[in-house]
Amino acid sequence: MIKRALFSLILLGMAAQTHATPELLVPSEIQCGPFQYIETIEVHGDIEDSVLRLIHATLENKDSDFYVIQHISEDTRDDTLTVVINLYNQGESYNLS
C-alpha cells in the first residue's frame, strides 16, 4: 500500500502545477545536482488522509524550491500516517568554462 501511495504521489506531483509549494524530486536527483539541504520535516496525519494533501498543506508556508520524501509509515493501531520530508533549495550551478 505504501509503494502504491508513493507512486501515486510522484505521478500527482509531476502532473500538478503548484506555485506555492516546492517541487517533488526523486532522491537520486539530489546527488546529481547542485542542491542545498534546508531541513527535515515530519508530517503526521490520519491514515485515511491523502499523502499529497498532507505534504502540500505542510509545505505551503515553507520557503524552499524542492522536497524529497524520505520515508512513509503507517500505524494501523492508531490510524496515523507519518511522512518524513527533506527540503532543498536550488544551489549554484557549476560553470564548466
PDB file of N, CA and C in Angstrom:
ATOM      1  N   MET A   1       0.814  -1.185   0.000  1.00  0.00           N
ATOM      2  CA  MET A   1       0.000   0.000   0.000  1.00  0.00           C
ATOM      3  C   MET A   1       0.863   1.257   0.000  1.00  0.00           C
ATOM      4  N   ILE A   2       1.964   1.231   0.735  1.00  0.00           N
ATOM      5  CA  ILE A   2       2.840   2.395   0.799  1.00  0.00           C
ATOM      6  C   ILE A   2       3.493   2.644  -0.555  1.00  0.00           C
ATOM      7  N   LYS A   3       3.907   1.587  -1.236  1.00  0.00           N
ATOM      8  CA  LYS A   3       4.531   1.746  -2.543  1.00  0.00           C
ATOM      9  C   LYS A   3       3.544   2.342  -3.538  1.00  0.00           C
ATOM     10  N   ARG A   4       2.300   1.870  -3.484  1.00  0.00           N
ATOM     11  CA  ARG A   4       1.277   2.393  -4.384  1.00  0.00           C
ATOM     12  C   ARG A   4       1.001   3.863  -4.086  1.00  0.00           C
ATOM     13  N   ALA A   5       0.957   4.216  -2.813  1.00  0.00           N
ATOM     14  CA  ALA A   5       0.720   5.606  -2.424  1.00  0.00           C
ATOM     15  C   ALA A   5       1.880   6.491  -2.861  1.00  0.00           C
ATOM     16  N   LEU A   6       3.100   6.008  -2.708  1.00  0.00           N
ATOM     17  CA  LEU A   6       4.273   6.774  -3.126  1.00  0.00           C
ATOM     18  C   LEU A   6       4.289   6.961  -4.634  1.00  0.00           C
ATOM     19  N   PHE A   7       3.983   5.919  -5.375  1.00  0.00           N
ATOM     20  CA  PHE A   7       3.934   6.015  -6.833  1.00  0.00           C
ATOM     21  C   PHE A   7       2.863   7.007  -7.266  1.00  0.00           C
ATOM     22  N   SER A   8       1.691   6.944  -6.638  1.00  0.00           N
ATOM     23  CA  SER A   8       0.620   7.882  -6.954  1.00  0.00           C
ATOM     24  C   SER A   8       1.030   9.307  -6.618  1.00  0.00           C
ATOM     25  N   LEU A   9       1.714   9.461  -5.507  1.00  0.00           N
ATOM     26  CA  LEU A   9       2.183  10.774  -5.091  1.00  0.00           C
ATOM     27  C   LEU A   9       3.158  11.355  -6.103  1.00  0.00           C
ATOM     28  N   ILE A  10       4.067  10.546  -6.590  1.00  0.00           N
ATOM     29  CA  ILE A  10       5.039  11.018  -7.578  1.00  0.00           C
ATOM     30  C   ILE A  10       4.331  11.423  -8.864  1.00  0.00           C
ATOM     31  N   LEU A  11       3.404  10.606  -9.317  1.00  0.00           N
ATOM     32  CA  LEU A  11       2.668  10.948 -10.535  1.00  0.00           C
ATOM     33  C   LEU A  11       1.847  12.216 -10.364  1.00  0.00           C
ATOM     34  N   LEU A  12       1.164  12.336  -9.242  1.00  0.00           N
ATOM     35  CA  LEU A  12       0.377  13.543  -8.997  1.00  0.00           C
ATOM     36  C   LEU A  12       1.264  14.769  -8.842  1.00  0.00           C
ATOM     37  N   GLY A  13       2.403  14.582  -8.222  1.00  0.00           N
ATOM     38  CA  GLY A  13       3.335  15.689  -8.060  1.00  0.00           C
ATOM     39  C   GLY A  13       3.858  16.200  -9.391  1.00  0.00           C
ATOM     40  N   MET A  14       4.105  15.293 -10.324  1.00  0.00           N
ATOM     41  CA  MET A  14       4.573  15.693 -11.637  1.00  0.00           C
ATOM     42  C   MET A  14       3.461  16.351 -12.455  1.00  0.00           C
ATOM     43  N   ALA A  15       2.239  15.889 -12.276  1.00  0.00           N
ATOM     44  CA  ALA A  15       1.128  16.401 -13.061  1.00  0.00           C
ATOM     45  C   ALA A  15       0.594  17.724 -12.537  1.00  0.00           C
ATOM     46  N   ALA A  16       0.687  17.933 -11.252  1.00  0.00           N
ATOM     47  CA  ALA A  16       0.122  19.141 -10.643  1.00  0.00           C
ATOM     48  C   ALA A  16       1.082  20.311 -10.797  1.00  0.00           C
ATOM     49  N   GLN A  17       0.567  21.416 -11.247  1.00  0.00           N
ATOM     50  CA  GLN A  17       1.354  22.640 -11.339  1.00  0.00           C
ATOM     51  C   GLN A  17       0.996  23.511 -10.149  1.00  0.00           C
ATOM     52  N   THR A  18       1.885  23.586  -9.176  1.00  0.00           N
ATOM     53  CA  THR A  18       1.633  24.382  -7.988  1.00  0.00           C
ATOM     54  C   THR A  18       2.658  25.485  -7.897  1.00  0.00           C
ATOM     55  N   HIS A  19       2.224  26.625  -7.413  1.00  0.00           N
ATOM     56  CA  HIS A  19       3.121  27.763  -7.308  1.00  0.00           C
ATOM     57  C   HIS A  19       3.554  28.011  -5.869  1.00  0.00           C
ATOM     58  N   ALA A  20       2.759  27.595  -4.909  1.00  0.00           N
ATOM     59  CA  ALA A  20       3.040  27.911  -3.512  1.00  0.00           C
ATOM     60  C   ALA A  20       3.926  26.873  -2.833  1.00  0.00           C
ATOM     61  N   THR A  21       3.986  25.678  -3.346  1.00  0.00           N
ATOM     62  CA  THR A  21       4.743  24.626  -2.676  1.00  0.00           C
ATOM     63  C   THR A  21       5.960  24.220  -3.503  1.00  0.00           C
ATOM     64  N   PRO A  22       6.962  23.684  -2.843  1.00  0.00           N
ATOM     65  CA  PRO A  22       8.153  23.195  -3.560  1.00  0.00           C
ATOM     66  C   PRO A  22       7.817  22.019  -4.471  1.00  0.00           C
ATOM     67  N   GLU A  23       8.713  21.731  -5.391  1.00  0.00           N
ATOM     68  CA  GLU A  23       8.534  20.614  -6.318  1.00  0.00           C
ATOM     69  C   GLU A  23       9.107  19.333  -5.730  1.00  0.00           C
ATOM     70  N   LEU A  24       8.480  18.220  -6.072  1.00  0.00           N
ATOM     71  CA  LEU A  24       8.925  16.907  -5.636  1.00  0.00           C
ATOM     72  C   LEU A  24      10.105  16.440  -6.488  1.00  0.00           C
ATOM     73  N   LEU A  25      11.133  15.928  -5.826  1.00  0.00           N
ATOM     74  CA  LEU A  25      12.285  15.344  -6.513  1.00  0.00           C
ATOM     75  C   LEU A  25      12.457  13.901  -6.069  1.00  0.00           C
ATOM     76  N   VAL A  26      13.037  13.101  -6.936  1.00  0.00           N
ATOM     77  CA  VAL A  26      13.413  11.733  -6.607  1.00  0.00           C
ATOM     78  C   VAL A  26      14.744  11.816  -5.854  1.00  0.00           C
ATOM     79  N   PRO A  27      14.956  11.009  -4.813  1.00  0.00           N
ATOM     80  CA  PRO A  27      16.197  11.094  -4.033  1.00  0.00           C
ATOM     81  C   PRO A  27      17.479  11.049  -4.866  1.00  0.00           C
ATOM     82  N   SER A  28      17.497  10.305  -5.953  1.00  0.00           N
ATOM     83  CA  SER A  28      18.714  10.215  -6.769  1.00  0.00           C
ATOM     84  C   SER A  28      19.032  11.536  -7.473  1.00  0.00           C
ATOM     85  N   GLU A  29      18.024  12.381  -7.690  1.00  0.00           N
ATOM     86  CA  GLU A  29      18.265  13.676  -8.336  1.00  0.00           C
ATOM     87  C   GLU A  29      19.091  14.600  -7.449  1.00  0.00           C
ATOM     88  N   ILE A  30      18.959  14.463  -6.147  1.00  0.00           N
ATOM     89  CA  ILE A  30      19.699  15.305  -5.210  1.00  0.00           C
ATOM     90  C   ILE A  30      21.200  15.072  -5.357  1.00  0.00           C
ATOM     91  N   GLN A  31      21.597  13.840  -5.616  1.00  0.00           N
ATOM     92  CA  GLN A  31      23.018  13.512  -5.740  1.00  0.00           C
ATOM     93  C   GLN A  31      23.620  14.030  -7.042  1.00  0.00           C
ATOM     94  N   CYS A  32      22.781  14.270  -8.045  1.00  0.00           N
ATOM     95  CA  CYS A  32      23.283  14.652  -9.366  1.00  0.00           C
ATOM     96  C   CYS A  32      23.256  16.151  -9.622  1.00  0.00           C
ATOM     97  N   GLY A  33      22.677  16.919  -8.738  1.00  0.00           N
ATOM     98  CA  GLY A  33      22.563  18.348  -8.992  1.00  0.00           C
ATOM     99  C   GLY A  33      23.049  19.186  -7.834  1.00  0.00           C
ATOM    100  N   PRO A  34      23.159  20.475  -8.078  1.00  0.00           N
ATOM    101  CA  PRO A  34      23.620  21.391  -7.030  1.00  0.00           C
ATOM    102  C   PRO A  34      22.460  21.822  -6.129  1.00  0.00           C
ATOM    103  N   PHE A  35      22.150  21.027  -5.125  1.00  0.00           N
ATOM    104  CA  PHE A  35      21.051  21.338  -4.213  1.00  0.00           C
ATOM    105  C   PHE A  35      21.596  21.594  -2.819  1.00  0.00           C
ATOM    106  N   GLN A  36      20.980  22.523  -2.128  1.00  0.00           N
ATOM    107  CA  GLN A  36      21.382  22.871  -0.767  1.00  0.00           C
ATOM    108  C   GLN A  36      20.318  22.376   0.205  1.00  0.00           C
ATOM    109  N   TYR A  37      20.714  21.509   1.135  1.00  0.00           N
ATOM    110  CA  TYR A  37      19.805  20.972   2.142  1.00  0.00           C
ATOM    111  C   TYR A  37      19.343  22.099   3.072  1.00  0.00           C
ATOM    112  N   ILE A  38      18.036  22.122   3.375  1.00  0.00           N
ATOM    113  CA  ILE A  38      17.476  23.144   4.259  1.00  0.00           C
ATOM    114  C   ILE A  38      17.103  22.536   5.614  1.00  0.00           C
ATOM    115  N   GLU A  39      16.159  21.587   5.609  1.00  0.00           N
ATOM    116  CA  GLU A  39      15.710  20.973   6.863  1.00  0.00           C
ATOM    117  C   GLU A  39      14.931  19.694   6.589  1.00  0.00           C
ATOM    118  N   THR A  40      14.709  18.927   7.653  1.00  0.00           N
ATOM    119  CA  THR A  40      13.887  17.720   7.597  1.00  0.00           C
ATOM    120  C   THR A  40      12.611  17.988   8.377  1.00  0.00           C
ATOM    121  N   ILE A  41      11.481  17.603   7.785  1.00  0.00           N
ATOM    122  CA  ILE A  41      10.172  17.819   8.401  1.00  0.00           C
ATOM    123  C   ILE A  41       9.463  16.480   8.521  1.00  0.00           C
ATOM    124  N   GLU A  42       8.790  16.263   9.642  1.00  0.00           N
ATOM    125  CA  GLU A  42       7.953  15.080   9.844  1.00  0.00           C
ATOM    126  C   GLU A  42       6.497  15.527   9.792  1.00  0.00           C
ATOM    127  N   VAL A  43       5.726  14.926   8.886  1.00  0.00           N
ATOM    128  CA  VAL A  43       4.318  15.267   8.711  1.00  0.00           C
ATOM    129  C   VAL A  43       3.484  14.127   9.282  1.00  0.00           C
ATOM    130  N   HIS A  44       2.547  14.467  10.141  1.00  0.00           N
ATOM    131  CA  HIS A  44       1.659  13.470  10.748  1.00  0.00           C
ATOM    132  C   HIS A  44       0.229  13.750  10.314  1.00  0.00           C
ATOM    133  N   GLY A  45      -0.520  12.678  10.071  1.00  0.00           N
ATOM    134  CA  GLY A  45      -1.907  12.832   9.686  1.00  0.00           C
ATOM    135  C   GLY A  45      -2.682  11.554   9.908  1.00  0.00           C
ATOM    136  N   ASP A  46      -3.941  11.597   9.571  1.00  0.00           N
ATOM    137  CA  ASP A  46      -4.816  10.441   9.659  1.00  0.00           C
ATOM    138  C   ASP A  46      -4.461   9.467   8.544  1.00  0.00           C
ATOM    139  N   ILE A  47      -4.584   8.187   8.806  1.00  0.00           N
ATOM    140  CA  ILE A  47      -4.221   7.157   7.832  1.00  0.00           C
ATOM    141  C   ILE A  47      -5.071   7.251   6.560  1.00  0.00           C
ATOM    142  N   GLU A  48      -6.248   7.843   6.668  1.00  0.00           N
ATOM    143  CA  GLU A  48      -7.141   7.999   5.516  1.00  0.00           C
ATOM    144  C   GLU A  48      -6.848   9.265   4.715  1.00  0.00           C
ATOM    145  N   ASP A  49      -5.989  10.142   5.228  1.00  0.00           N
ATOM    146  CA  ASP A  49      -5.657  11.385   4.525  1.00  0.00           C
ATOM    147  C   ASP A  49      -4.853  11.099   3.266  1.00  0.00           C
ATOM    148  N   SER A  50      -4.942  12.000   2.326  1.00  0.00           N
ATOM    149  CA  SER A  50      -4.127  11.929   1.122  1.00  0.00           C
ATOM    150  C   SER A  50      -2.707  12.381   1.465  1.00  0.00           C
ATOM    151  N   VAL A  51      -1.733  11.590   1.082  1.00  0.00           N
ATOM    152  CA  VAL A  51      -0.337  11.927   1.350  1.00  0.00           C
ATOM    153  C   VAL A  51       0.011  13.248   0.667  1.00  0.00           C
ATOM    154  N   LEU A  52      -0.413  13.410  -0.552  1.00  0.00           N
ATOM    155  CA  LEU A  52      -0.123  14.627  -1.308  1.00  0.00           C
ATOM    156  C   LEU A  52      -0.727  15.854  -0.636  1.00  0.00           C
ATOM    157  N   ARG A  53      -1.954  15.745  -0.163  1.00  0.00           N
ATOM    158  CA  ARG A  53      -2.597  16.888   0.515  1.00  0.00           C
ATOM    159  C   ARG A  53      -1.888  17.225   1.822  1.00  0.00           C
ATOM    160  N   LEU A  54      -1.486  16.209   2.580  1.00  0.00           N
ATOM    161  CA  LEU A  54      -0.751  16.451   3.823  1.00  0.00           C
ATOM    162  C   LEU A  54       0.557  17.195   3.544  1.00  0.00           C
ATOM    163  N   ILE A  55       1.272  16.744   2.541  1.00  0.00           N
ATOM    164  CA  ILE A  55       2.550  17.371   2.208  1.00  0.00           C
ATOM    165  C   ILE A  55       2.342  18.806   1.741  1.00  0.00           C
ATOM    166  N   HIS A  56       1.411  19.010   0.835  1.00  0.00           N
ATOM    167  CA  HIS A  56       1.180  20.355   0.310  1.00  0.00           C
ATOM    168  C   HIS A  56       0.715  21.312   1.403  1.00  0.00           C
ATOM    169  N   ALA A  57      -0.126  20.846   2.309  1.00  0.00           N
ATOM    170  CA  ALA A  57      -0.581  21.703   3.408  1.00  0.00           C
ATOM    171  C   ALA A  57       0.578  22.074   4.330  1.00  0.00           C
ATOM    172  N   THR A  58       1.478  21.144   4.559  1.00  0.00           N
ATOM    173  CA  THR A  58       2.624  21.403   5.427  1.00  0.00           C
ATOM    174  C   THR A  58       3.639  22.326   4.762  1.00  0.00           C
ATOM    175  N   LEU A  59       3.859  22.150   3.478  1.00  0.00           N
ATOM    176  CA  LEU A  59       4.891  22.912   2.771  1.00  0.00           C
ATOM    177  C   LEU A  59       4.392  24.242   2.220  1.00  0.00           C
ATOM    178  N   GLU A  60       3.129  24.522   2.402  1.00  0.00           N
ATOM    179  CA  GLU A  60       2.525  25.736   1.847  1.00  0.00           C
ATOM    180  C   GLU A  60       3.267  27.010   2.270  1.00  0.00           C
ATOM    181  N   ASN A  61       3.691  27.071   3.495  1.00  0.00           N
ATOM    182  CA  ASN A  61       4.356  28.272   4.011  1.00  0.00           C
ATOM    183  C   ASN A  61       5.869  28.111   4.143  1.00  0.00           C
ATOM    184  N   LYS A  62       6.414  27.062   3.586  1.00  0.00           N
ATOM    185  CA  LYS A  62       7.856  26.834   3.642  1.00  0.00           C
ATOM    186  C   LYS A  62       8.528  27.517   2.455  1.00  0.00           C
ATOM    187  N   ASP A  63       9.704  28.038   2.690  1.00  0.00           N
ATOM    188  CA  ASP A  63      10.445  28.726   1.647  1.00  0.00           C
ATOM    189  C   ASP A  63      11.575  27.826   1.146  1.00  0.00           C
ATOM    190  N   SER A  64      11.239  26.923   0.248  1.00  0.00           N
ATOM    191  CA  SER A  64      12.238  26.047  -0.363  1.00  0.00           C
ATOM    192  C   SER A  64      11.813  25.754  -1.793  1.00  0.00           C
ATOM    193  N   ASP A  65      12.754  25.276  -2.584  1.00  0.00           N
ATOM    194  CA  ASP A  65      12.484  25.016  -4.003  1.00  0.00           C
ATOM    195  C   ASP A  65      12.013  23.595  -4.271  1.00  0.00           C
ATOM    196  N   PHE A  66      12.568  22.630  -3.506  1.00  0.00           N
ATOM    197  CA  PHE A  66      12.292  21.226  -3.772  1.00  0.00           C
ATOM    198  C   PHE A  66      12.116  20.455  -2.468  1.00  0.00           C
ATOM    199  N   TYR A  67      11.478  19.286  -2.572  1.00  0.00           N
ATOM    200  CA  TYR A  67      11.400  18.373  -1.432  1.00  0.00           C
ATOM    201  C   TYR A  67      11.561  16.940  -1.908  1.00  0.00           C
ATOM    202  N   VAL A  68      12.060  16.104  -0.997  1.00  0.00           N
ATOM    203  CA  VAL A  68      12.261  14.676  -1.263  1.00  0.00           C
ATOM    204  C   VAL A  68      11.586  13.911  -0.136  1.00  0.00           C
ATOM    205  N   ILE A  69      10.783  12.915  -0.493  1.00  0.00           N
ATOM    206  CA  ILE A  69      10.144  12.060   0.508  1.00  0.00           C
ATOM    207  C   ILE A  69      11.163  11.000   0.921  1.00  0.00           C
ATOM    208  N   GLN A  70      11.514  11.006   2.189  1.00  0.00           N
ATOM    209  CA  GLN A  70      12.488  10.055   2.693  1.00  0.00           C
ATOM    210  C   GLN A  70      11.850   8.776   3.201  1.00  0.00           C
ATOM    211  N   HIS A  71      10.683   8.917   3.824  1.00  0.00           N
ATOM    212  CA  HIS A  71      10.075   7.748   4.454  1.00  0.00           C
ATOM    213  C   HIS A  71       8.576   7.977   4.638  1.00  0.00           C
ATOM    214  N   ILE A  72       7.793   6.941   4.409  1.00  0.00           N
ATOM    215  CA  ILE A  72       6.352   6.957   4.680  1.00  0.00           C
ATOM    216  C   ILE A  72       6.042   5.750   5.555  1.00  0.00           C
ATOM    217  N   SER A  73       5.348   5.986   6.664  1.00  0.00           N
ATOM    218  CA  SER A  73       4.972   4.868   7.528  1.00  0.00           C
ATOM    219  C   SER A  73       3.533   5.032   7.996  1.00  0.00           C
ATOM    220  N   GLU A  74       2.887   3.906   8.226  1.00  0.00           N
ATOM    221  CA  GLU A  74       1.504   3.866   8.709  1.00  0.00           C
ATOM    222  C   GLU A  74       1.461   3.106  10.023  1.00  0.00           C
ATOM    223  N   ASP A  75       0.651   3.591  10.951  1.00  0.00           N
ATOM    224  CA  ASP A  75       0.404   2.887  12.203  1.00  0.00           C
ATOM    225  C   ASP A  75      -1.078   2.539  12.219  1.00  0.00           C
ATOM    226  N   THR A  76      -1.391   1.277  11.923  1.00  0.00           N
ATOM    227  CA  THR A  76      -2.794   0.867  11.820  1.00  0.00           C
ATOM    228  C   THR A  76      -3.481   0.792  13.179  1.00  0.00           C
ATOM    229  N   ARG A  77      -2.719   0.668  14.236  1.00  0.00           N
ATOM    230  CA  ARG A  77      -3.326   0.654  15.579  1.00  0.00           C
ATOM    231  C   ARG A  77      -3.896   2.016  15.940  1.00  0.00           C
ATOM    232  N   ASP A  78      -3.133   3.069  15.621  1.00  0.00           N
ATOM    233  CA  ASP A  78      -3.566   4.426  15.942  1.00  0.00           C
ATOM    234  C   ASP A  78      -4.179   5.146  14.749  1.00  0.00           C
ATOM    235  N   ASP A  79      -4.242   4.478  13.596  1.00  0.00           N
ATOM    236  CA  ASP A  79      -4.749   5.075  12.361  1.00  0.00           C
ATOM    237  C   ASP A  79      -4.024   6.374  12.008  1.00  0.00           C
ATOM    238  N   THR A  80      -2.690   6.345  12.085  1.00  0.00           N
ATOM    239  CA  THR A  80      -1.900   7.525  11.772  1.00  0.00           C
ATOM    240  C   THR A  80      -0.949   7.255  10.610  1.00  0.00           C
ATOM    241  N   LEU A  81      -0.577   8.323   9.961  1.00  0.00           N
ATOM    242  CA  LEU A  81       0.337   8.292   8.827  1.00  0.00           C
ATOM    243  C   LEU A  81       1.460   9.277   9.123  1.00  0.00           C
ATOM    244  N   THR A  82       2.704   8.867   8.878  1.00  0.00           N
ATOM    245  CA  THR A  82       3.849   9.744   9.091  1.00  0.00           C
ATOM    246  C   THR A  82       4.680   9.780   7.812  1.00  0.00           C
ATOM    247  N   VAL A  83       5.011  10.988   7.377  1.00  0.00           N
ATOM    248  CA  VAL A  83       5.832  11.188   6.187  1.00  0.00           C
ATOM    249  C   VAL A  83       7.024  12.051   6.583  1.00  0.00           C
ATOM    250  N   VAL A  84       8.235  11.582   6.268  1.00  0.00           N
ATOM    251  CA  VAL A  84       9.452  12.337   6.546  1.00  0.00           C
ATOM    252  C   VAL A  84       9.929  12.953   5.233  1.00  0.00           C
ATOM    253  N   ILE A  85      10.122  14.278   5.252  1.00  0.00           N
ATOM    254  CA  ILE A  85      10.455  15.034   4.048  1.00  0.00           C
ATOM    255  C   ILE A  85      11.723  15.848   4.284  1.00  0.00           C
ATOM    256  N   ASN A  86      12.613  15.861   3.301  1.00  0.00           N
ATOM    257  CA  ASN A  86      13.779  16.743   3.322  1.00  0.00           C
ATOM    258  C   ASN A  86      13.532  17.887   2.345  1.00  0.00           C
ATOM    259  N   LEU A  87      13.830  19.113   2.783  1.00  0.00           N
ATOM    260  CA  LEU A  87      13.665  20.291   1.939  1.00  0.00           C
ATOM    261  C   LEU A  87      15.020  20.739   1.394  1.00  0.00           C
ATOM    262  N   TYR A  88      15.017  21.197   0.130  1.00  0.00           N
ATOM    263  CA  TYR A  88      16.235  21.650  -0.541  1.00  0.00           C
ATOM    264  C   TYR A  88      15.956  22.923  -1.324  1.00  0.00           C
ATOM    265  N   ASN A  89      16.990  23.723  -1.497  1.00  0.00           N
ATOM    266  CA  ASN A  89      16.956  24.862  -2.405  1.00  0.00           C
ATOM    267  C   ASN A  89      17.885  24.580  -3.567  1.00  0.00           C
ATOM    268  N   GLN A  90      17.617  25.248  -4.664  1.00  0.00           N
ATOM    269  CA  GLN A  90      18.498  25.132  -5.822  1.00  0.00           C
ATOM    270  C   GLN A  90      19.819  25.794  -5.479  1.00  0.00           C
ATOM    271  N   GLY A  91      20.904  25.057  -5.596  1.00  0.00           N
ATOM    272  CA  GLY A  91      22.227  25.612  -5.310  1.00  0.00           C
ATOM    273  C   GLY A  91      22.785  26.296  -6.537  1.00  0.00           C
ATOM    274  N   GLU A  92      23.980  26.811  -6.400  1.00  0.00           N
ATOM    275  CA  GLU A  92      24.635  27.439  -7.533  1.00  0.00           C
ATOM    276  C   GLU A  92      25.046  26.370  -8.529  1.00  0.00           C
ATOM    277  N   SER A  93      24.778  26.629  -9.795  1.00  0.00           N
ATOM    278  CA  SER A  93      25.171  25.653 -10.814  1.00  0.00           C
ATOM    279  C   SER A  93      26.647  25.843 -11.145  1.00  0.00           C
ATOM    280  N   TYR A  94      27.243  24.758 -11.565  1.00  0.00           N
ATOM    281  CA  TYR A  94      28.661  24.767 -11.869  1.00  0.00           C
ATOM    282  C   TYR A  94      28.881  25.293 -13.281  1.00  0.00           C
ATOM    283  N   ASN A  95      29.853  26.170 -13.408  1.00  0.00           N
ATOM    284  CA  ASN A  95      30.202  26.714 -14.715  1.00  0.00           C
ATOM    285  C   ASN A  95      31.462  26.000 -15.205  1.00  0.00           C
ATOM    286  N   LEU A  96      31.353  25.282 -16.306  1.00  0.00           N
ATOM    287  CA  LEU A  96      32.478  24.480 -16.799  1.00  0.00           C
ATOM    288  C   LEU A  96      33.439  25.259 -17.694  1.00  0.00           C
ATOM    289  N   SER A  97      33.125  26.513 -17.999  1.00  0.00           N
ATOM    290  CA  SER A  97      34.011  27.269 -18.895  1.00  0.00           C
ATOM    291  C   SER A  97      35.105  27.980 -18.154  1.00  0.00           C
TER     292      SER A  97
END
